[in-house]
Amino acid sequence: MSRPSGLRRPRRPARTSAFSAALAPSPQLRWVTLLLGTLLCSLLCSATCGGWSCAFGRCVKSSSPVKPSVKSVKDALSIVLVTSPIPSNPSTQLLNTVISSFDLIEGLEGCPLIMVADGIKLQEGRPKWNQGKISEERYQLYLEYVDSLRSQYEDHAYHPAKVIGPLKKRVNFAHALLRGLEEVETEHVLVVQHDRVFAERFSMSDVIELFQQYQELRYVGFQTVPDYTTYAASKFGKWVRCALPEPGLIPCFMWYDSTHVCRTRQLAKLIEQEVKEGEFIESSYGCRLLAEIREKKDHWTWEYHMKNYGLFLFHPPSPTSLNPTSARPLVRHVSGRTFLSSEERLKRGWPGERPRVTRGTQEKGS
C-alpha cells in the first residue's frame, strides 16, 4: 500500500543497550555537575576578571563599582606630613599624637609615609612661628626635633617613614608639600599638617573608591566642624545647600590646607602653577577658587560643582560600626603654636595631659 505524498516513514526508536543506559547521567547528576561547574567558574572569574561575577557559567560584569580592598589602599595611597618649628621642639609628642591617630583609620596601615621638615629664617628676638622666623637657639632645638623624628620613625614597626629636611630655606607649607610629593609613587596622596589629628573612625578605602567612581574629583577633605553645610551657609549664603546625589560627598567651597586626599600628580601641578614659595594653598589659590565659585552661585548645583571644581568633604556612611556618630568632626586642630609637651606642662604645675573638652551632647558616664 502506497503512503500519501508528504508523509515520512516514522523513525524507529533508537535501541539502547543496558551498558549505555547505565552510563547515562541521571537528572540529579546533571544538576550536581552544573552547580559544580558554576562554582568553579565563579572562583576563576573572581581571581582573573576582577569585578566580574559568574551566573550559570556566563561572566556578567557587575553594575556597581568595585570597592578596593583594605589591603589595596597601601598600593593606592601615600601620606605626606609637613612639619615646621613650633614652641614644643625638641619634643615629638605632638607629631606622635598625629601619627597615632592614623590607627583610627582603617586602611592606613602600611601606607608609605614621607615627613618633610620645612626650612627656617634666622631672626633673633620673639619667634614668628607662622613665618618660620626663629633664633639660633630655637633652630638647634628644631634640628634636635627632626633628628628625633628620624630615629623614631625611619625603622618604626607600624608607620615607617622617610624624613626629609630641614629644607635649605623656608618655603612654607605648599612648596614643602611639593618636595614631599616628589617622593610619592602612588596615584593618591593623603596630606597631613603636624597639628591635625583624626578624631573618628572610618575606612580610607571608601575615599579611594570615590576617586575611582568620579574622575572629576580633585580634593576630598575631612570636616573639622560637625555640620560643614550649615557652617558654609552661614558664611556664603543659603545657595550652598543642595540635594546630595552622592551621600558620601559634601560640596566644599575652599581648598583647605587641613587633612585631605588628592591625586598626586594633579596636586603637584596645581602647586607649581598656582602657589608661590612662602604661601599656603588655602590663603592663595583657595581664596581665588572661593571667589570664582561664589560668582557662579546663580547656576550652581552639586553636579556643576563636581564637573568644574571637584572639591568635596568626605561624609562616611552613618550609622556604621566604624563611625556611629558621623555628625562629629573627623579631624581636629590641636594648634602647634600653643601645644605644650607633657614635660613642659608639669613644669608649669599643670596636668600632664590637656583636658579633653566634649562639645554637644554629653557622652554616657561623663
Protein backbone atom coordinates (compact mmCIF):
# COMPACT_ATOMS: atom_id res chain seq x y z
CA MET A 1 0.00 0.00 0.00
CA SER A 2 1.48 3.34 -1.02
CA ARG A 3 1.93 6.25 1.52
CA PRO A 4 0.22 9.59 0.86
CA SER A 5 2.67 12.16 -0.54
CA GLY A 6 4.30 14.49 2.03
CA LEU A 7 4.29 11.92 4.79
CA ARG A 8 7.55 10.42 6.04
CA ARG A 9 8.12 6.98 7.46
CA PRO A 10 8.04 7.21 11.29
CA ARG A 11 11.52 6.90 12.77
CA ARG A 12 12.14 3.79 14.85
CA PRO A 13 13.17 4.43 18.45
CA ALA A 14 16.91 4.03 18.96
CA ARG A 15 17.98 0.86 20.64
CA THR A 16 19.74 1.40 23.94
CA SER A 17 21.96 -1.23 25.38
CA ALA A 18 21.99 -1.95 29.08
CA PHE A 19 25.62 -0.79 29.22
CA SER A 20 24.94 2.68 27.67
CA ALA A 21 21.86 3.12 29.83
CA ALA A 22 23.96 2.59 32.91
CA LEU A 23 26.37 5.31 31.80
CA ALA A 24 23.68 7.92 31.01
CA PRO A 25 23.61 10.65 33.72
CA SER A 26 20.50 10.95 35.80
CA PRO A 27 18.69 14.36 36.11
CA GLN A 28 20.05 14.73 39.67
CA LEU A 29 23.61 14.13 38.44
CA ARG A 30 23.18 16.77 35.72
CA TRP A 31 22.21 19.38 38.32
CA VAL A 32 25.17 18.49 40.53
CA THR A 33 27.52 18.79 37.55
CA LEU A 34 26.04 22.19 36.60
CA LEU A 35 26.38 23.54 40.14
CA LEU A 36 29.98 22.35 40.46
CA GLY A 37 30.83 23.93 37.10
CA THR A 38 29.25 27.22 38.10
CA LEU A 39 31.17 27.28 41.40
CA LEU A 40 34.48 26.56 39.63
CA CYS A 41 33.80 29.27 37.04
CA SER A 42 32.95 31.78 39.79
CA LEU A 43 36.24 31.08 41.56
CA LEU A 44 38.19 31.51 38.33
CA CYS A 45 36.35 34.72 37.49
CA SER A 46 36.96 36.29 40.89
CA ALA A 47 40.66 35.53 40.57
CA THR A 48 41.11 36.73 36.99
CA CYS A 49 38.31 39.08 35.93
CA GLY A 50 38.25 41.43 38.92
CA GLY A 51 34.78 42.85 39.43
CA TRP A 52 33.02 40.13 37.42
CA SER A 53 30.60 37.55 38.71
CA CYS A 54 29.53 34.25 37.22
CA ALA A 55 25.88 33.44 36.58
CA PHE A 56 25.31 29.81 35.50
CA GLY A 57 28.57 29.60 33.64
CA ARG A 58 28.39 33.02 31.94
CA CYS A 59 30.52 36.00 33.04
CA VAL A 60 28.41 39.08 33.73
CA LYS A 61 30.02 42.41 34.65
CA SER A 62 28.86 43.87 37.97
CA SER A 63 26.93 47.13 37.55
CA SER A 64 28.26 48.66 40.79
CA PRO A 65 31.86 49.97 41.10
CA VAL A 66 34.27 47.59 42.75
CA LYS A 67 35.25 48.69 46.24
CA PRO A 68 39.02 48.33 46.69
CA SER A 69 40.02 46.03 49.49
CA VAL A 70 41.67 47.49 52.59
CA LYS A 71 44.82 45.64 51.59
CA SER A 72 44.98 47.59 48.32
CA VAL A 73 44.88 51.05 49.95
CA LYS A 74 48.61 50.97 50.67
CA ASP A 75 49.21 50.46 46.95
CA ALA A 76 46.97 53.42 46.04
CA LEU A 77 47.82 55.97 48.74
CA SER A 78 50.88 57.57 50.34
CA ILE A 79 50.99 60.04 53.24
CA VAL A 80 52.93 63.31 53.17
CA LEU A 81 53.20 65.04 56.56
CA VAL A 82 54.66 68.56 56.67
CA THR A 83 56.20 69.96 59.85
CA SER A 84 57.98 73.17 60.85
CA PRO A 85 59.33 74.83 64.03
CA ILE A 86 56.90 75.00 66.97
CA PRO A 87 57.36 76.03 70.63
CA SER A 88 57.33 72.42 71.89
CA ASN A 89 60.53 71.46 69.97
CA PRO A 90 62.52 69.28 70.55
CA SER A 91 59.64 67.18 71.91
CA THR A 92 57.99 64.97 69.28
CA GLN A 93 54.86 64.45 71.38
CA LEU A 94 52.58 66.49 69.09
CA LEU A 95 53.63 64.67 65.95
CA ASN A 96 53.47 61.33 67.78
CA THR A 97 49.85 62.15 68.61
CA VAL A 98 49.09 62.91 64.96
CA ILE A 99 50.63 59.66 63.74
CA SER A 100 48.96 57.64 66.49
CA SER A 101 45.60 58.96 65.23
CA PHE A 102 46.28 57.16 61.91
CA ASP A 103 45.37 53.96 63.75
CA LEU A 104 41.73 55.14 63.83
CA ILE A 105 41.55 54.94 60.04
CA GLU A 106 41.06 51.52 58.51
CA GLY A 107 43.44 51.04 55.58
CA LEU A 108 46.23 53.48 56.54
CA GLU A 109 48.40 50.72 57.97
CA GLY A 110 51.32 50.09 55.65
CA CYS A 111 50.81 53.21 53.53
CA PRO A 112 54.16 54.88 52.62
CA LEU A 113 54.84 57.87 54.91
CA ILE A 114 57.01 60.85 53.96
CA MET A 115 57.77 63.59 56.52
CA VAL A 116 59.04 66.95 55.28
CA ALA A 117 60.62 69.45 57.70
CA ASP A 118 60.42 72.97 56.26
CA GLY A 119 63.41 75.31 56.42
CA ILE A 120 63.71 78.37 58.68
CA LYS A 121 64.74 82.04 58.67
CA LEU A 122 67.15 83.05 61.41
CA GLN A 123 65.89 86.03 63.39
CA GLU A 124 66.72 86.94 66.97
CA GLY A 125 64.02 88.07 69.33
CA ARG A 126 60.44 86.86 69.53
CA PRO A 127 59.74 83.93 67.15
CA LYS A 128 57.26 84.34 64.29
CA TRP A 129 56.18 80.72 64.02
CA ASN A 130 53.88 81.07 61.02
CA GLN A 131 56.75 82.60 59.04
CA GLY A 132 59.44 80.21 60.28
CA LYS A 133 61.48 83.06 61.81
CA ILE A 134 63.33 81.78 64.88
CA SER A 135 66.54 82.38 66.80
CA GLU A 136 69.71 80.28 66.59
CA GLU A 137 68.82 78.68 69.92
CA ARG A 138 65.38 77.71 68.67
CA TYR A 139 66.92 76.41 65.44
CA GLN A 140 69.12 74.00 67.38
CA LEU A 141 66.04 72.69 69.19
CA TYR A 142 64.34 72.26 65.80
CA LEU A 143 67.32 70.26 64.47
CA GLU A 144 67.14 68.04 67.53
CA TYR A 145 63.42 67.55 66.90
CA VAL A 146 63.97 66.46 63.27
CA ASP A 147 66.77 64.08 64.33
CA SER A 148 64.40 62.55 66.89
CA LEU A 149 61.80 62.00 64.15
CA ARG A 150 64.40 60.12 62.11
CA SER A 151 65.44 57.90 64.98
CA GLN A 152 61.83 57.15 65.94
CA TYR A 153 60.19 56.64 62.56
CA GLU A 154 62.67 55.53 59.92
CA ASP A 155 62.50 51.98 61.34
CA HIS A 156 59.09 52.26 63.00
CA ALA A 157 57.18 48.97 63.33
CA TYR A 158 53.79 50.32 62.15
CA HIS A 159 54.44 53.62 60.39
CA PRO A 160 57.99 53.63 58.94
CA ALA A 161 58.78 57.00 57.37
CA LYS A 162 61.25 58.75 55.15
CA VAL A 163 62.22 62.05 56.83
CA ILE A 164 63.33 64.92 54.57
CA GLY A 165 64.90 68.14 55.82
CA PRO A 166 65.10 70.57 57.30
CA LEU A 167 64.98 72.15 53.83
CA LYS A 168 67.77 74.58 52.97
CA LYS A 169 65.39 77.54 53.10
CA ARG A 170 61.92 78.41 54.33
CA VAL A 171 59.44 77.68 51.51
CA ASN A 172 56.25 77.36 53.62
CA PHE A 173 53.61 74.65 53.57
CA ALA A 174 52.74 74.39 49.86
CA HIS A 175 56.27 74.03 48.49
CA ALA A 176 57.40 71.86 51.40
CA LEU A 177 54.49 69.61 50.44
CA LEU A 178 55.65 69.77 46.81
CA ARG A 179 59.06 68.48 47.90
CA GLY A 180 57.37 65.54 49.60
CA LEU A 181 55.26 64.79 46.51
CA GLU A 182 58.48 64.16 44.58
CA GLU A 183 58.92 61.01 46.69
CA VAL A 184 55.36 59.72 46.16
CA GLU A 185 54.86 56.82 43.75
CA THR A 186 51.16 56.13 44.39
CA GLU A 187 48.25 57.63 42.46
CA HIS A 188 46.76 59.30 45.54
CA VAL A 189 48.24 61.19 48.48
CA LEU A 190 46.97 62.00 51.97
CA VAL A 191 48.18 65.47 53.00
CA VAL A 192 48.64 65.99 56.75
CA GLN A 193 49.77 69.00 58.80
CA HIS A 194 51.71 68.40 62.01
CA ASP A 195 48.87 69.56 64.28
CA ARG A 196 45.81 67.88 62.69
CA VAL A 197 44.64 64.63 64.26
CA PHE A 198 41.98 62.18 63.14
CA ALA A 199 39.16 62.12 65.68
CA GLU A 200 36.71 59.49 64.40
CA ARG A 201 36.93 56.08 62.77
CA PHE A 202 36.24 55.50 59.08
CA SER A 203 37.66 53.45 56.21
CA MET A 204 40.10 55.08 53.78
CA SER A 205 39.09 52.56 51.12
CA ASP A 206 35.73 54.38 50.93
CA VAL A 207 37.60 57.56 49.98
CA ILE A 208 39.71 55.82 47.32
CA GLU A 209 36.55 54.27 45.90
CA LEU A 210 35.05 57.76 45.41
CA PHE A 211 38.11 58.84 43.42
CA GLN A 212 37.69 55.77 41.22
CA GLN A 213 33.99 56.45 40.76
CA TYR A 214 34.26 60.19 39.97
CA GLN A 215 37.08 61.09 37.61
CA GLU A 216 36.40 64.83 38.09
CA LEU A 217 37.10 64.54 41.82
CA ARG A 218 40.24 66.55 42.76
CA TYR A 219 40.07 67.05 46.53
CA VAL A 220 38.44 65.14 49.40
CA GLY A 221 38.83 66.79 52.79
CA PHE A 222 37.56 65.83 56.24
CA GLN A 223 35.29 68.18 58.12
CA THR A 224 36.61 69.85 61.26
CA VAL A 225 33.13 71.07 62.25
CA PRO A 226 30.07 68.89 62.97
CA ASP A 227 27.98 70.29 60.09
CA TYR A 228 30.01 71.93 57.32
CA THR A 229 26.98 72.69 55.12
CA THR A 230 25.37 74.80 57.87
CA TYR A 231 28.73 76.46 58.53
CA ALA A 232 29.16 77.27 54.82
CA ALA A 233 25.58 78.56 54.53
CA SER A 234 26.17 80.96 57.42
CA LYS A 235 29.27 82.36 55.67
CA PHE A 236 28.37 82.22 51.97
CA GLY A 237 24.57 82.03 51.77
CA LYS A 238 21.71 79.54 51.55
CA TRP A 239 22.57 78.72 47.92
CA VAL A 240 25.23 76.24 49.16
CA ARG A 241 22.52 73.83 50.32
CA CYS A 242 21.57 71.14 47.82
CA ALA A 243 20.47 67.54 47.49
CA LEU A 244 23.37 65.11 47.65
CA PRO A 245 23.32 62.58 44.75
CA GLU A 246 26.35 61.00 46.44
CA PRO A 247 25.77 60.88 50.22
CA GLY A 248 29.50 60.41 50.84
CA LEU A 249 30.48 63.77 49.30
CA ILE A 250 29.59 67.21 50.69
CA PRO A 251 30.44 70.19 48.42
CA CYS A 252 33.37 72.20 49.82
CA PHE A 253 33.98 75.84 48.85
CA MET A 254 37.56 76.40 49.97
CA TRP A 255 40.75 74.45 49.31
CA TYR A 256 41.66 73.94 52.96
CA ASP A 257 45.22 73.01 53.94
CA SER A 258 43.78 70.75 56.63
CA THR A 259 43.96 66.97 56.13
CA HIS A 260 42.83 65.92 52.64
CA VAL A 261 43.32 63.39 49.82
CA CYS A 262 44.23 64.34 46.23
CA ARG A 263 45.51 62.80 43.04
CA THR A 264 49.30 63.08 43.41
CA ARG A 265 50.36 64.44 40.03
CA GLN A 266 47.35 66.76 39.83
CA LEU A 267 48.22 68.29 43.21
CA ALA A 268 51.89 68.78 42.27
CA LYS A 269 50.88 70.57 39.07
CA LEU A 270 48.45 72.82 40.96
CA ILE A 271 51.15 73.93 43.42
CA GLU A 272 53.66 74.59 40.63
CA GLN A 273 51.17 76.72 38.69
CA GLU A 274 49.07 78.42 41.35
CA VAL A 275 51.12 78.82 44.55
CA LYS A 276 54.35 80.77 45.12
CA GLU A 277 57.06 79.87 47.60
CA GLY A 278 56.20 81.23 51.02
CA GLU A 279 52.44 80.79 50.52
CA PHE A 280 49.81 78.41 51.80
CA ILE A 281 47.47 76.81 49.24
CA GLU A 282 44.44 77.83 51.30
CA SER A 283 45.26 81.53 51.58
CA SER A 284 46.29 81.91 47.92
CA TYR A 285 44.68 79.54 45.43
CA GLY A 286 41.95 78.63 47.94
CA CYS A 287 40.73 82.22 48.21
CA ARG A 288 40.75 82.70 44.42
CA LEU A 289 38.78 79.50 43.98
CA LEU A 290 36.19 80.54 46.57
CA ALA A 291 35.66 83.87 44.78
CA GLU A 292 35.12 82.07 41.48
CA ILE A 293 32.60 79.64 42.97
CA ARG A 294 30.62 82.47 44.56
CA GLU A 295 30.43 84.25 41.21
CA LYS A 296 28.71 81.17 39.73
CA LYS A 297 26.18 80.74 42.55
CA ASP A 298 23.14 81.53 40.35
CA HIS A 299 23.53 78.30 38.39
CA TRP A 300 25.47 76.33 40.98
CA THR A 301 24.44 72.71 41.64
CA TRP A 302 26.10 69.62 43.07
CA GLU A 303 26.71 68.31 39.55
CA TYR A 304 28.13 71.66 38.38
CA HIS A 305 30.43 71.71 41.40
CA MET A 306 31.72 68.21 40.63
CA LYS A 307 32.29 68.93 36.95
CA ASN A 308 34.02 72.30 37.40
CA TYR A 309 35.73 72.15 40.80
CA GLY A 310 35.78 68.59 42.15
CA LEU A 311 36.13 69.92 45.70
CA PHE A 312 34.36 67.93 48.43
CA LEU A 313 34.42 66.78 52.05
CA PHE A 314 34.04 63.13 52.93
CA HIS A 315 30.94 62.11 54.85
CA PRO A 316 31.17 58.46 55.97
CA PRO A 317 28.04 56.31 55.87
CA SER A 318 26.10 56.52 59.12
CA PRO A 319 25.41 54.73 61.28
CA THR A 320 28.27 52.27 60.91
CA SER A 321 30.34 50.24 63.28
CA LEU A 322 33.34 52.37 62.36
CA ASN A 323 31.68 55.73 62.85
CA PRO A 324 28.28 55.60 64.58
CA THR A 325 28.26 59.40 65.16
CA SER A 326 29.33 60.88 61.83
CA ALA A 327 27.97 64.32 62.83
CA ARG A 328 31.19 64.81 64.78
CA PRO A 329 34.31 66.32 63.19
CA LEU A 330 36.53 63.72 61.55
CA VAL A 331 39.68 65.83 62.08
CA ARG A 332 40.61 68.19 64.94
CA HIS A 333 43.11 71.04 65.15
CA VAL A 334 45.49 70.74 68.10
CA SER A 335 47.34 74.05 67.33
CA GLY A 336 51.07 73.57 67.15
CA ARG A 337 51.75 77.17 68.24
CA THR A 338 50.05 76.68 71.62
CA PHE A 339 50.83 72.99 72.20
CA LEU A 340 52.98 72.18 75.22
CA SER A 341 54.55 68.79 75.87
CA SER A 342 53.58 66.87 79.00
CA GLU A 343 57.01 67.67 80.47
CA GLU A 344 56.54 71.40 79.95
CA ARG A 345 53.01 71.31 81.38
CA LEU A 346 54.23 69.58 84.53
CA LYS A 347 56.98 72.20 84.93
CA ARG A 348 54.27 74.86 84.98
CA GLY A 349 52.27 72.97 87.58
CA TRP A 350 49.55 71.93 85.12
CA PRO A 351 48.14 68.43 84.50
CA GLY A 352 50.42 66.41 82.23
CA GLU A 353 47.66 65.96 79.62
CA ARG A 354 45.47 68.73 78.26
CA PRO A 355 41.86 68.29 79.49
CA ARG A 356 39.62 66.98 76.74
CA VAL A 357 36.51 69.04 76.03
CA THR A 358 33.41 67.28 74.67
CA ARG A 359 31.14 69.60 72.69
CA GLY A 360 27.47 68.99 72.11
CA THR A 361 25.63 66.29 73.99
CA GLN A 362 27.40 64.71 76.93
CA GLU A 363 28.65 61.20 76.49
CA LYS A 364 27.47 58.50 78.84
CA GLY A 365 29.45 58.42 82.02
CA SER A 366 30.76 61.99 81.64
